[in-house]
Amino acid sequence: MFSFLAIVIAALLGCIPAAIAQKKGRSFGGWWLFGALLFIIALPMALVASPNPKTMKCCTACMGWVPIDARKCGHCGNDLSAPRSVYAAHTDWTARMIWVLASIVIFLLVVGWVAGASHS
């Protein structure tokens, strides 16, 4: 019973990073699997993941990400008929790497704590 409940909870938790990633133009299925298996790492990575440049473009007025075929920005209402803006405007690798490394450290601390608690 416990293992079935754990699988159901993991499957539901996997939907959180998958939904976040899907809003950024990423694969729901791949992120769901990643989130179901490693939720504590997948959630921060989904939050800091950049939008997919193949499916999203950046509004030149508000710097918000919108679907590539949008003619009007859903955030500010700007006309998007102008050429596509530079993708690098939203890229901040330092902040992303800090989030990823912090997630890994927290994951390792939790695993170490659980392993230490099980030996006691």
PDB file of N, CA and C in Angstrom:
ATOM      1  N   MET A   1       0.820  -1.202   0.000  1.00  0.00           N
ATOM      2  CA  MET A   1       0.000   0.000   0.000  1.00  0.00           C
ATOM      3  C   MET A   1       0.856   1.253   0.000  1.00  0.00           C
ATOM      4  N   PHE A   2       1.934   1.238   0.837  1.00  0.00           N
ATOM      5  CA  PHE A   2       2.795   2.418   0.924  1.00  0.00           C
ATOM      6  C   PHE A   2       3.485   2.712  -0.402  1.00  0.00           C
ATOM      7  N   SER A   3       3.969   1.677  -1.094  1.00  0.00           N
ATOM      8  CA  SER A   3       4.667   1.911  -2.361  1.00  0.00           C
ATOM      9  C   SER A   3       3.715   2.453  -3.428  1.00  0.00           C
ATOM     10  N   PHE A   4       2.474   1.978  -3.430  1.00  0.00           N
ATOM     11  CA  PHE A   4       1.492   2.499  -4.381  1.00  0.00           C
ATOM     12  C   PHE A   4       1.202   3.966  -4.099  1.00  0.00           C
ATOM     13  N   LEU A   5       1.056   4.318  -2.847  1.00  0.00           N
ATOM     14  CA  LEU A   5       0.810   5.708  -2.461  1.00  0.00           C
ATOM     15  C   LEU A   5       2.002   6.589  -2.830  1.00  0.00           C
ATOM     16  N   ALA A   6       3.208   6.081  -2.639  1.00  0.00           N
ATOM     17  CA  ALA A   6       4.402   6.843  -2.997  1.00  0.00           C
ATOM     18  C   ALA A   6       4.467   7.093  -4.501  1.00  0.00           C
ATOM     19  N   ILE A   7       4.081   6.111  -5.298  1.00  0.00           N
ATOM     20  CA  ILE A   7       4.090   6.264  -6.757  1.00  0.00           C
ATOM     21  C   ILE A   7       3.041   7.294  -7.188  1.00  0.00           C
ATOM     22  N   VAL A   8       1.874   7.260  -6.573  1.00  0.00           N
ATOM     23  CA  VAL A   8       0.826   8.225  -6.907  1.00  0.00           C
ATOM     24  C   VAL A   8       1.267   9.641  -6.542  1.00  0.00           C
ATOM     25  N   ILE A   9       1.859   9.809  -5.364  1.00  0.00           N
ATOM     26  CA  ILE A   9       2.336  11.131  -4.937  1.00  0.00           C
ATOM     27  C   ILE A   9       3.438  11.622  -5.859  1.00  0.00           C
ATOM     28  N   ALA A  10       4.375  10.743  -6.232  1.00  0.00           N
ATOM     29  CA  ALA A  10       5.454  11.131  -7.144  1.00  0.00           C
ATOM     30  C   ALA A  10       4.894  11.535  -8.503  1.00  0.00           C
ATOM     31  N   ALA A  11       3.898  10.806  -8.983  1.00  0.00           N
ATOM     32  CA  ALA A  11       3.291  11.141 -10.275  1.00  0.00           C
ATOM     33  C   ALA A  11       2.608  12.499 -10.223  1.00  0.00           C
ATOM     34  N   LEU A  12       1.937  12.796  -9.111  1.00  0.00           N
ATOM     35  CA  LEU A  12       1.273  14.092  -8.969  1.00  0.00           C
ATOM     36  C   LEU A  12       2.290  15.219  -8.810  1.00  0.00           C
ATOM     37  N   LEU A  13       3.332  14.988  -8.036  1.00  0.00           N
ATOM     38  CA  LEU A  13       4.367  16.009  -7.866  1.00  0.00           C
ATOM     39  C   LEU A  13       5.086  16.289  -9.179  1.00  0.00           C
ATOM     40  N   GLY A  14       5.235  15.287 -10.020  1.00  0.00           N
ATOM     41  CA  GLY A  14       5.875  15.461 -11.313  1.00  0.00           C
ATOM     42  C   GLY A  14       5.123  16.420 -12.227  1.00  0.00           C
ATOM     43  N   CYS A  15       3.830  16.595 -11.970  1.00  0.00           N
ATOM     44  CA  CYS A  15       3.031  17.515 -12.791  1.00  0.00           C
ATOM     45  C   CYS A  15       3.397  18.972 -12.551  1.00  0.00           C
ATOM     46  N   ILE A  16       3.933  19.294 -11.377  1.00  0.00           N
ATOM     47  CA  ILE A  16       4.247  20.695 -11.061  1.00  0.00           C
ATOM     48  C   ILE A  16       5.378  21.219 -11.947  1.00  0.00           C
ATOM     49  N   PRO A  17       6.576  20.597 -11.954  1.00  0.00           N
ATOM     50  CA  PRO A  17       7.612  21.107 -12.857  1.00  0.00           C
ATOM     51  C   PRO A  17       7.240  20.944 -14.326  1.00  0.00           C
ATOM     52  N   ALA A  18       6.455  19.918 -14.646  1.00  0.00           N
ATOM     53  CA  ALA A  18       6.047  19.719 -16.035  1.00  0.00           C
ATOM     54  C   ALA A  18       5.162  20.862 -16.520  1.00  0.00           C
ATOM     55  N   ALA A  19       4.247  21.323 -15.677  1.00  0.00           N
ATOM     56  CA  ALA A  19       3.365  22.432 -16.061  1.00  0.00           C
ATOM     57  C   ALA A  19       4.153  23.726 -16.211  1.00  0.00           C
ATOM     58  N   ILE A  20       5.112  23.949 -15.322  1.00  0.00           N
ATOM     59  CA  ILE A  20       5.948  25.147 -15.416  1.00  0.00           C
ATOM     60  C   ILE A  20       6.769  25.121 -16.698  1.00  0.00           C
ATOM     61  N   ALA A  21       7.376  23.976 -16.987  1.00  0.00           N
ATOM     62  CA  ALA A  21       8.197  23.849 -18.192  1.00  0.00           C
ATOM     63  C   ALA A  21       7.349  23.960 -19.457  1.00  0.00           C
ATOM     64  N   GLN A  22       6.130  23.425 -19.421  1.00  0.00           N
ATOM     65  CA  GLN A  22       5.265  23.499 -20.603  1.00  0.00           C
ATOM     66  C   GLN A  22       4.904  24.946 -20.918  1.00  0.00           C
ATOM     67  N   LYS A  23       4.713  25.783 -19.898  1.00  0.00           N
ATOM     68  CA  LYS A  23       4.419  27.193 -20.130  1.00  0.00           C
ATOM     69  C   LYS A  23       5.598  27.904 -20.790  1.00  0.00           C
ATOM     70  N   LYS A  24       6.788  27.314 -20.692  1.00  0.00           N
ATOM     71  CA  LYS A  24       7.980  27.890 -21.308  1.00  0.00           C
ATOM     72  C   LYS A  24       8.304  27.221 -22.634  1.00  0.00           C
ATOM     73  N   GLY A  25       7.362  26.421 -23.144  1.00  0.00           N
ATOM     74  CA  GLY A  25       7.540  25.795 -24.449  1.00  0.00           C
ATOM     75  C   GLY A  25       8.346  24.506 -24.415  1.00  0.00           C
ATOM     76  N   ARG A  26       8.497  23.909 -23.259  1.00  0.00           N
ATOM     77  CA  ARG A  26       9.257  22.661 -23.117  1.00  0.00           C
ATOM     78  C   ARG A  26       8.309  21.461 -23.112  1.00  0.00           C
ATOM     79  N   SER A  27       8.885  20.283 -23.198  1.00  0.00           N
ATOM     80  CA  SER A  27       8.119  19.038 -23.263  1.00  0.00           C
ATOM     81  C   SER A  27       7.486  18.711 -21.909  1.00  0.00           C
ATOM     82  N   PHE A  28       6.162  18.538 -21.885  1.00  0.00           N
ATOM     83  CA  PHE A  28       5.481  18.177 -20.644  1.00  0.00           C
ATOM     84  C   PHE A  28       5.890  16.782 -20.189  1.00  0.00           C
ATOM     85  N   GLY A  29       5.913  15.832 -21.110  1.00  0.00           N
ATOM     86  CA  GLY A  29       6.214  14.440 -20.753  1.00  0.00           C
ATOM     87  C   GLY A  29       7.604  14.260 -20.177  1.00  0.00           C
ATOM     88  N   GLY A  30       8.586  14.863 -20.811  1.00  0.00           N
ATOM     89  CA  GLY A  30       9.958  14.740 -20.318  1.00  0.00           C
ATOM     90  C   GLY A  30      10.136  15.370 -18.949  1.00  0.00           C
ATOM     91  N   TRP A  31       9.550  16.542 -18.765  1.00  0.00           N
ATOM     92  CA  TRP A  31       9.654  17.224 -17.476  1.00  0.00           C
ATOM     93  C   TRP A  31       8.804  16.530 -16.413  1.00  0.00           C
ATOM     94  N   TRP A  32       7.705  15.884 -16.809  1.00  0.00           N
ATOM     95  CA  TRP A  32       6.917  15.132 -15.845  1.00  0.00           C
ATOM     96  C   TRP A  32       7.721  13.956 -15.312  1.00  0.00           C
ATOM     97  N   LEU A  33       8.373  13.236 -16.219  1.00  0.00           N
ATOM     98  CA  LEU A  33       9.186  12.097 -15.801  1.00  0.00           C
ATOM     99  C   LEU A  33      10.325  12.551 -14.887  1.00  0.00           C
ATOM    100  N   PHE A  34      11.006  13.621 -15.283  1.00  0.00           N
ATOM    101  CA  PHE A  34      12.084  14.184 -14.475  1.00  0.00           C
ATOM    102  C   PHE A  34      11.550  14.606 -13.101  1.00  0.00           C
ATOM    103  N   GLY A  35      10.397  15.264 -13.070  1.00  0.00           N
ATOM    104  CA  GLY A  35       9.807  15.716 -11.813  1.00  0.00           C
ATOM    105  C   GLY A  35       9.329  14.571 -10.941  1.00  0.00           C
ATOM    106  N   ALA A  36       8.802  13.523 -11.547  1.00  0.00           N
ATOM    107  CA  ALA A  36       8.329  12.376 -10.768  1.00  0.00           C
ATOM    108  C   ALA A  36       9.499  11.618 -10.142  1.00  0.00           C
ATOM    109  N   LEU A  37      10.615  11.557 -10.843  1.00  0.00           N
ATOM    110  CA  LEU A  37      11.773  10.826 -10.321  1.00  0.00           C
ATOM    111  C   LEU A  37      12.619  11.669  -9.376  1.00  0.00           C
ATOM    112  N   LEU A  38      12.834  12.935  -9.708  1.00  0.00           N
ATOM    113  CA  LEU A  38      13.718  13.809  -8.927  1.00  0.00           C
ATOM    114  C   LEU A  38      13.064  15.171  -8.713  1.00  0.00           C
ATOM    115  N   PHE A  39      11.942  15.194  -8.015  1.00  0.00           N
ATOM    116  CA  PHE A  39      11.177  16.423  -7.850  1.00  0.00           C
ATOM    117  C   PHE A  39      12.002  17.549  -7.251  1.00  0.00           C
ATOM    118  N   ILE A  40      12.797  17.248  -6.241  1.00  0.00           N
ATOM    119  CA  ILE A  40      13.533  18.293  -5.522  1.00  0.00           C
ATOM    120  C   ILE A  40      14.551  19.000  -6.427  1.00  0.00           C
ATOM    121  N   ILE A  41      14.984  18.354  -7.481  1.00  0.00           N
ATOM    122  CA  ILE A  41      15.902  18.975  -8.442  1.00  0.00           C
ATOM    123  C   ILE A  41      15.122  19.555  -9.624  1.00  0.00           C
ATOM    124  N   ALA A  42      14.086  18.863 -10.059  1.00  0.00           N
ATOM    125  CA  ALA A  42      13.333  19.283 -11.249  1.00  0.00           C
ATOM    126  C   ALA A  42      12.588  20.590 -11.040  1.00  0.00           C
ATOM    127  N   LEU A  43      12.033  20.814  -9.850  1.00  0.00           N
ATOM    128  CA  LEU A  43      11.246  22.030  -9.626  1.00  0.00           C
ATOM    129  C   LEU A  43      12.090  23.296  -9.761  1.00  0.00           C
ATOM    130  N   PRO A  44      13.228  23.413  -9.066  1.00  0.00           N
ATOM    131  CA  PRO A  44      14.032  24.632  -9.262  1.00  0.00           C
ATOM    132  C   PRO A  44      14.551  24.779 -10.694  1.00  0.00           C
ATOM    133  N   MET A  45      14.890  23.654 -11.325  1.00  0.00           N
ATOM    134  CA  MET A  45      15.377  23.736 -12.698  1.00  0.00           C
ATOM    135  C   MET A  45      14.277  24.195 -13.649  1.00  0.00           C
ATOM    136  N   ALA A  46      13.046  23.758 -13.419  1.00  0.00           N
ATOM    137  CA  ALA A  46      11.936  24.211 -14.255  1.00  0.00           C
ATOM    138  C   ALA A  46      11.676  25.699 -14.030  1.00  0.00           C
ATOM    139  N   LEU A  47      11.828  26.150 -12.800  1.00  0.00           N
ATOM    140  CA  LEU A  47      11.591  27.562 -12.495  1.00  0.00           C
ATOM    141  C   LEU A  47      12.614  28.472 -13.167  1.00  0.00           C
ATOM    142  N   VAL A  48      13.866  28.036 -13.253  1.00  0.00           N
ATOM    143  CA  VAL A  48      14.906  28.890 -13.824  1.00  0.00           C
ATOM    144  C   VAL A  48      15.197  28.577 -15.286  1.00  0.00           C
ATOM    145  N   ALA A  49      14.544  27.555 -15.831  1.00  0.00           N
ATOM    146  CA  ALA A  49      14.776  27.201 -17.236  1.00  0.00           C
ATOM    147  C   ALA A  49      14.324  28.342 -18.147  1.00  0.00           C
ATOM    148  N   SER A  50      15.112  28.580 -19.161  1.00  0.00           N
ATOM    149  CA  SER A  50      14.743  29.621 -20.118  1.00  0.00           C
ATOM    150  C   SER A  50      13.685  29.074 -21.080  1.00  0.00           C
ATOM    151  N   PRO A  51      12.869  29.944 -21.617  1.00  0.00           N
ATOM    152  CA  PRO A  51      11.884  29.488 -22.600  1.00  0.00           C
ATOM    153  C   PRO A  51      12.577  28.909 -23.838  1.00  0.00           C
ATOM    154  N   ASN A  52      11.920  27.978 -24.474  1.00  0.00           N
ATOM    155  CA  ASN A  52      12.453  27.336 -25.666  1.00  0.00           C
ATOM    156  C   ASN A  52      12.438  28.340 -26.821  1.00  0.00           C
ATOM    157  N   PRO A  53      13.616  28.705 -27.367  1.00  0.00           N
ATOM    158  CA  PRO A  53      13.645  29.698 -28.441  1.00  0.00           C
ATOM    159  C   PRO A  53      12.996  29.222 -29.735  1.00  0.00           C
ATOM    160  N   LYS A  54      12.716  27.930 -29.851  1.00  0.00           N
ATOM    161  CA  LYS A  54      12.058  27.419 -31.055  1.00  0.00           C
ATOM    162  C   LYS A  54      10.546  27.603 -30.996  1.00  0.00           C
ATOM    163  N   THR A  55      10.004  27.759 -29.789  1.00  0.00           N
ATOM    164  CA  THR A  55       8.555  27.899 -29.644  1.00  0.00           C
ATOM    165  C   THR A  55       8.133  29.211 -28.995  1.00  0.00           C
ATOM    166  N   MET A  56       9.083  29.977 -28.471  1.00  0.00           N
ATOM    167  CA  MET A  56       8.771  31.223 -27.772  1.00  0.00           C
ATOM    168  C   MET A  56       9.630  32.363 -28.317  1.00  0.00           C
ATOM    169  N   LYS A  57       9.130  33.584 -28.200  1.00  0.00           N
ATOM    170  CA  LYS A  57       9.916  34.756 -28.556  1.00  0.00           C
ATOM    171  C   LYS A  57       9.731  35.807 -27.468  1.00  0.00           C
ATOM    172  N   CYS A  58      10.633  36.767 -27.456  1.00  0.00           N
ATOM    173  CA  CYS A  58      10.662  37.771 -26.410  1.00  0.00           C
ATOM    174  C   CYS A  58      10.020  39.065 -26.905  1.00  0.00           C
ATOM    175  N   CYS A  59       9.134  39.648 -26.097  1.00  0.00           N
ATOM    176  CA  CYS A  59       8.520  40.930 -26.426  1.00  0.00           C
ATOM    177  C   CYS A  59       9.567  42.028 -26.253  1.00  0.00           C
ATOM    178  N   THR A  60       9.674  42.905 -27.215  1.00  0.00           N
ATOM    179  CA  THR A  60      10.677  43.968 -27.152  1.00  0.00           C
ATOM    180  C   THR A  60      10.303  45.061 -26.162  1.00  0.00           C
ATOM    181  N   ALA A  61       9.041  45.161 -25.787  1.00  0.00           N
ATOM    182  CA  ALA A  61       8.606  46.219 -24.870  1.00  0.00           C
ATOM    183  C   ALA A  61       8.734  45.804 -23.406  1.00  0.00           C
ATOM    184  N   CYS A  62       8.216  44.628 -23.053  1.00  0.00           N
ATOM    185  CA  CYS A  62       8.193  44.234 -21.633  1.00  0.00           C
ATOM    186  C   CYS A  62       9.153  43.093 -21.311  1.00  0.00           C
ATOM    187  N   MET A  63       9.819  42.540 -22.311  1.00  0.00           N
ATOM    188  CA  MET A  63      10.757  41.425 -22.170  1.00  0.00           C
ATOM    189  C   MET A  63      10.082  40.139 -21.684  1.00  0.00           C
ATOM    190  N   GLY A  64       8.762  40.045 -21.838  1.00  0.00           N
ATOM    191  CA  GLY A  64       8.038  38.833 -21.494  1.00  0.00           C
ATOM    192  C   GLY A  64       8.089  37.832 -22.643  1.00  0.00           C
ATOM    193  N   TRP A  65       7.980  36.559 -22.321  1.00  0.00           N
ATOM    194  CA  TRP A  65       8.020  35.511 -23.341  1.00  0.00           C
ATOM    195  C   TRP A  65       6.600  35.166 -23.783  1.00  0.00           C
ATOM    196  N   VAL A  66       6.419  35.064 -25.088  1.00  0.00           N
ATOM    197  CA  VAL A  66       5.123  34.750 -25.693  1.00  0.00           C
ATOM    198  C   VAL A  66       5.333  33.682 -26.758  1.00  0.00           C
ATOM    199  N   PRO A  67       4.279  32.941 -27.150  1.00  0.00           N
ATOM    200  CA  PRO A  67       4.425  31.956 -28.229  1.00  0.00           C
ATOM    201  C   PRO A  67       4.947  32.611 -29.509  1.00  0.00           C
ATOM    202  N   ILE A  68       5.713  31.867 -30.270  1.00  0.00           N
ATOM    203  CA  ILE A  68       6.400  32.417 -31.441  1.00  0.00           C
ATOM    204  C   ILE A  68       5.426  32.924 -32.507  1.00  0.00           C
ATOM    205  N   ASP A  69       4.226  32.356 -32.575  1.00  0.00           N
ATOM    206  CA  ASP A  69       3.276  32.796 -33.590  1.00  0.00           C
ATOM    207  C   ASP A  69       2.349  33.913 -33.105  1.00  0.00           C
ATOM    208  N   ALA A  70       2.568  34.424 -31.899  1.00  0.00           N
ATOM    209  CA  ALA A  70       1.725  35.504 -31.365  1.00  0.00           C
ATOM    210  C   ALA A  70       1.976  36.807 -32.129  1.00  0.00           C
ATOM    211  N   ARG A  71       0.913  37.540 -32.367  1.00  0.00           N
ATOM    212  CA  ARG A  71       1.025  38.838 -33.042  1.00  0.00           C
ATOM    213  C   ARG A  71       0.965  39.990 -32.053  1.00  0.00           C
ATOM    214  N   LYS A  72       0.493  39.687 -30.843  1.00  0.00           N
ATOM    215  CA  LYS A  72       0.355  40.702 -29.810  1.00  0.00           C
ATOM    216  C   LYS A  72       0.815  40.100 -28.484  1.00  0.00           C
ATOM    217  N   CYS A  73       1.572  40.858 -27.699  1.00  0.00           N
ATOM    218  CA  CYS A  73       2.082  40.377 -26.416  1.00  0.00           C
ATOM    219  C   CYS A  73       0.931  40.206 -25.436  1.00  0.00           C
ATOM    220  N   GLY A  74       0.874  39.053 -24.784  1.00  0.00           N
ATOM    221  CA  GLY A  74      -0.163  38.801 -23.804  1.00  0.00           C
ATOM    222  C   GLY A  74       0.072  39.525 -22.488  1.00  0.00           C
ATOM    223  N   HIS A  75       1.284  40.045 -22.281  1.00  0.00           N
ATOM    224  CA  HIS A  75       1.612  40.736 -21.038  1.00  0.00           C
ATOM    225  C   HIS A  75       1.325  42.235 -21.126  1.00  0.00           C
ATOM    226  N   CYS A  76       1.789  42.864 -22.203  1.00  0.00           N
ATOM    227  CA  CYS A  76       1.685  44.325 -22.298  1.00  0.00           C
ATOM    228  C   CYS A  76       0.847  44.797 -23.487  1.00  0.00           C
ATOM    229  N   GLY A  77       0.490  43.899 -24.394  1.00  0.00           N
ATOM    230  CA  GLY A  77      -0.314  44.281 -25.544  1.00  0.00           C
ATOM    231  C   GLY A  77       0.488  44.859 -26.704  1.00  0.00           C
ATOM    232  N   ASN A  78       1.796  44.776 -26.654  1.00  0.00           N
ATOM    233  CA  ASN A  78       2.672  45.309 -27.698  1.00  0.00           C
ATOM    234  C   ASN A  78       2.480  44.541 -29.008  1.00  0.00           C
ATOM    235  N   ASP A  79       2.554  45.254 -30.137  1.00  0.00           N
ATOM    236  CA  ASP A  79       2.491  44.634 -31.457  1.00  0.00           C
ATOM    237  C   ASP A  79       3.805  43.907 -31.709  1.00  0.00           C
ATOM    238  N   LEU A  80       3.738  42.627 -32.040  1.00  0.00           N
ATOM    239  CA  LEU A  80       4.936  41.808 -32.215  1.00  0.00           C
ATOM    240  C   LEU A  80       5.260  41.532 -33.676  1.00  0.00           C
ATOM    241  N   SER A  81       4.822  42.378 -34.568  1.00  0.00           N
ATOM    242  CA  SER A  81       5.096  42.149 -35.975  1.00  0.00           C
ATOM    243  C   SER A  81       6.544  42.486 -36.330  1.00  0.00           C
ATOM    244  N   ALA A  82       7.268  43.115 -35.421  1.00  0.00           N
ATOM    245  CA  ALA A  82       8.683  43.439 -35.644  1.00  0.00           C
ATOM    246  C   ALA A  82       9.502  42.153 -35.621  1.00  0.00           C
ATOM    247  N   PRO A  83      10.730  42.197 -36.138  1.00  0.00           N
ATOM    248  CA  PRO A  83      11.582  40.997 -36.111  1.00  0.00           C
ATOM    249  C   PRO A  83      11.808  40.487 -34.688  1.00  0.00           C
ATOM    250  N   ARG A  84      12.109  39.225 -34.592  1.00  0.00           N
ATOM    251  CA  ARG A  84      12.318  38.553 -33.314  1.00  0.00           C
ATOM    252  C   ARG A  84      13.504  39.147 -32.570  1.00  0.00           C
ATOM    253  N   SER A  85      13.353  39.352 -31.276  1.00  0.00           N
ATOM    254  CA  SER A  85      14.424  39.950 -30.481  1.00  0.00           C
ATOM    255  C   SER A  85      15.502  38.927 -30.149  1.00  0.00           C
ATOM    256  N   VAL A  86      16.567  39.412 -29.626  1.00  0.00           N
ATOM    257  CA  VAL A  86      17.707  38.558 -29.300  1.00  0.00           C
ATOM    258  C   VAL A  86      17.361  37.675 -28.096  1.00  0.00           C
ATOM    259  N   TYR A  87      17.632  36.402 -28.222  1.00  0.00           N
ATOM    260  CA  TYR A  87      17.353  35.446 -27.165  1.00  0.00           C
ATOM    261  C   TYR A  87      18.229  35.694 -25.951  1.00  0.00           C
ATOM    262  N   ALA A  88      19.399  36.197 -26.131  1.00  0.00           N
ATOM    263  CA  ALA A  88      20.349  36.382 -25.030  1.00  0.00           C
ATOM    264  C   ALA A  88      19.896  37.433 -24.027  1.00  0.00           C
ATOM    265  N   ALA A  89      18.896  38.215 -24.343  1.00  0.00           N
ATOM    266  CA  ALA A  89      18.443  39.256 -23.422  1.00  0.00           C
ATOM    267  C   ALA A  89      17.927  38.673 -22.112  1.00  0.00           C
ATOM    268  N   HIS A  90      17.375  37.461 -22.142  1.00  0.00           N
ATOM    269  CA  HIS A  90      16.836  36.849 -20.935  1.00  0.00           C
ATOM    270  C   HIS A  90      17.782  35.826 -20.313  1.00  0.00           C
ATOM    271  N   THR A  91      18.958  35.681 -20.840  1.00  0.00           N
ATOM    272  CA  THR A  91      19.841  34.637 -20.363  1.00  0.00           C
ATOM    273  C   THR A  91      20.768  35.162 -19.282  1.00  0.00           C
ATOM    274  N   ASP A  92      20.662  34.574 -18.105  1.00  0.00           N
ATOM    275  CA  ASP A  92      21.540  34.906 -17.011  1.00  0.00           C
ATOM    276  C   ASP A  92      22.037  33.589 -16.420  1.00  0.00           C
ATOM    277  N   TRP A  93      23.118  33.097 -16.986  1.00  0.00           N
ATOM    278  CA  TRP A  93      23.618  31.774 -16.618  1.00  0.00           C
ATOM    279  C   TRP A  93      24.106  31.713 -15.179  1.00  0.00           C
ATOM    280  N   THR A  94      24.619  32.797 -14.659  1.00  0.00           N
ATOM    281  CA  THR A  94      25.117  32.771 -13.292  1.00  0.00           C
ATOM    282  C   THR A  94      23.990  32.455 -12.315  1.00  0.00           C
ATOM    283  N   ALA A  95      22.876  33.140 -12.441  1.00  0.00           N
ATOM    284  CA  ALA A  95      21.744  32.891 -11.546  1.00  0.00           C
ATOM    285  C   ALA A  95      21.214  31.472 -11.717  1.00  0.00           C
ATOM    286  N   ARG A  96      21.155  30.994 -12.944  1.00  0.00           N
ATOM    287  CA  ARG A  96      20.671  29.629 -13.184  1.00  0.00           C
ATOM    288  C   ARG A  96      21.585  28.605 -12.543  1.00  0.00           C
ATOM    289  N   MET A  97      22.877  28.796 -12.691  1.00  0.00           N
ATOM    290  CA  MET A  97      23.819  27.834 -12.119  1.00  0.00           C
ATOM    291  C   MET A  97      23.761  27.842 -10.598  1.00  0.00           C
ATOM    292  N   ILE A  98      23.544  28.998 -10.005  1.00  0.00           N
ATOM    293  CA  ILE A  98      23.408  29.061  -8.545  1.00  0.00           C
ATOM    294  C   ILE A  98      22.188  28.262  -8.100  1.00  0.00           C
ATOM    295  N   TRP A  99      21.060  28.406  -8.812  1.00  0.00           N
ATOM    296  CA  TRP A  99      19.851  27.649  -8.480  1.00  0.00           C
ATOM    297  C   TRP A  99      20.078  26.147  -8.632  1.00  0.00           C
ATOM    298  N   VAL A 100      20.715  25.754  -9.718  1.00  0.00           N
ATOM    299  CA  VAL A 100      20.952  24.332  -9.959  1.00  0.00           C
ATOM    300  C   VAL A 100      21.878  23.762  -8.888  1.00  0.00           C
ATOM    301  N   LEU A 101      22.977  24.448  -8.599  1.00  0.00           N
ATOM    302  CA  LEU A 101      23.910  23.961  -7.581  1.00  0.00           C
ATOM    303  C   LEU A 101      23.270  23.937  -6.200  1.00  0.00           C
ATOM    304  N   ALA A 102      22.478  24.956  -5.871  1.00  0.00           N
ATOM    305  CA  ALA A 102      21.779  24.967  -4.583  1.00  0.00           C
ATOM    306  C   ALA A 102      20.801  23.794  -4.493  1.00  0.00           C
ATOM    307  N   SER A 103      20.124  23.490  -5.584  1.00  0.00           N
ATOM    308  CA  SER A 103      19.188  22.360  -5.593  1.00  0.00           C
ATOM    309  C   SER A 103      19.911  21.047  -5.364  1.00  0.00           C
ATOM    310  N   ILE A 104      21.055  20.892  -5.987  1.00  0.00           N
ATOM    311  CA  ILE A 104      21.829  19.659  -5.823  1.00  0.00           C
ATOM    312  C   ILE A 104      22.328  19.537  -4.389  1.00  0.00           C
ATOM    313  N   VAL A 105      22.826  20.633  -3.819  1.00  0.00           N
ATOM    314  CA  VAL A 105      23.317  20.602  -2.439  1.00  0.00           C
ATOM    315  C   VAL A 105      22.176  20.257  -1.482  1.00  0.00           C
ATOM    316  N   ILE A 106      21.011  20.876  -1.665  1.00  0.00           N
ATOM    317  CA  ILE A 106      19.861  20.584  -0.796  1.00  0.00           C
ATOM    318  C   ILE A 106      19.441  19.128  -0.944  1.00  0.00           C
ATOM    319  N   PHE A 107      19.429  18.632  -2.166  1.00  0.00           N
ATOM    320  CA  PHE A 107      19.075  17.236  -2.402  1.00  0.00           C
ATOM    321  C   PHE A 107      20.047  16.306  -1.690  1.00  0.00           C
ATOM    322  N   LEU A 108      21.342  16.581  -1.804  1.00  0.00           N
ATOM    323  CA  LEU A 108      22.339  15.739  -1.149  1.00  0.00           C
ATOM    324  C   LEU A 108      22.220  15.821   0.369  1.00  0.00           C
ATOM    325  N   LEU A 109      21.921  16.995   0.912  1.00  0.00           N
ATOM    326  CA  LEU A 109      21.731  17.130   2.352  1.00  0.00           C
ATOM    327  C   LEU A 109      20.528  16.327   2.832  1.00  0.00           C
ATOM    328  N   VAL A 110      19.434  16.365   2.069  1.00  0.00           N
ATOM    329  CA  VAL A 110      18.241  15.600   2.438  1.00  0.00           C
ATOM    330  C   VAL A 110      18.526  14.109   2.364  1.00  0.00           C
ATOM    331  N   VAL A 111      19.206  13.674   1.312  1.00  0.00           N
ATOM    332  CA  VAL A 111      19.539  12.258   1.183  1.00  0.00           C
ATOM    333  C   VAL A 111      20.447  11.825   2.326  1.00  0.00           C
ATOM    334  N   GLY A 112      21.442  12.636   2.658  1.00  0.00           N
ATOM    335  CA  GLY A 112      22.335  12.328   3.775  1.00  0.00           C
ATOM    336  C   GLY A 112      21.596  12.274   5.099  1.00  0.00           C
ATOM    337  N   TRP A 113      20.660  13.192   5.291  1.00  0.00           N
ATOM    338  CA  TRP A 113      19.881  13.216   6.532  1.00  0.00           C
ATOM    339  C   TRP A 113      19.007  11.984   6.639  1.00  0.00           C
ATOM    340  N   VAL A 114      18.349  11.618   5.535  1.00  0.00           N
ATOM    341  CA  VAL A 114      17.487  10.443   5.540  1.00  0.00           C
ATOM    342  C   VAL A 114      18.324   9.179   5.765  1.00  0.00           C
ATOM    343  N   ALA A 115      19.482   9.101   5.111  1.00  0.00           N
ATOM    344  CA  ALA A 115      20.347   7.928   5.282  1.00  0.00           C
ATOM    345  C   ALA A 115      20.865   7.856   6.712  1.00  0.00           C
ATOM    346  N   GLY A 116      21.221   8.998   7.294  1.00  0.00           N
ATOM    347  CA  GLY A 116      21.698   9.024   8.671  1.00  0.00           C
ATOM    348  C   GLY A 116      20.597   8.670   9.664  1.00  0.00           C
ATOM    349  N   ALA A 117      19.388   9.118   9.396  1.00  0.00           N
ATOM    350  CA  ALA A 117      18.258   8.830  10.277  1.00  0.00           C
ATOM    351  C   ALA A 117      17.865   7.356  10.225  1.00  0.00           C
ATOM    352  N   SER A 118      18.065   6.732   9.066  1.00  0.00           N
ATOM    353  CA  SER A 118      17.695   5.320   8.944  1.00  0.00           C
ATOM    354  C   SER A 118      18.684   4.407   9.638  1.00  0.00           C
ATOM    355  N   HIS A 119      19.913   4.860   9.852  1.00  0.00           N
ATOM    356  CA  HIS A 119      20.924   4.061  10.533  1.00  0.00           C
ATOM    357  C   HIS A 119      20.798   4.155  12.047  1.00  0.00           C
ATOM    358  N   SER A 120      20.085   5.145  12.529  1.00  0.00           N
ATOM    359  CA  SER A 120      19.962   5.340  13.986  1.00  0.00           C
ATOM    360  C   SER A 120      18.968   4.412  14.615  1.00  0.00           C
TER     361      SER A 120
END
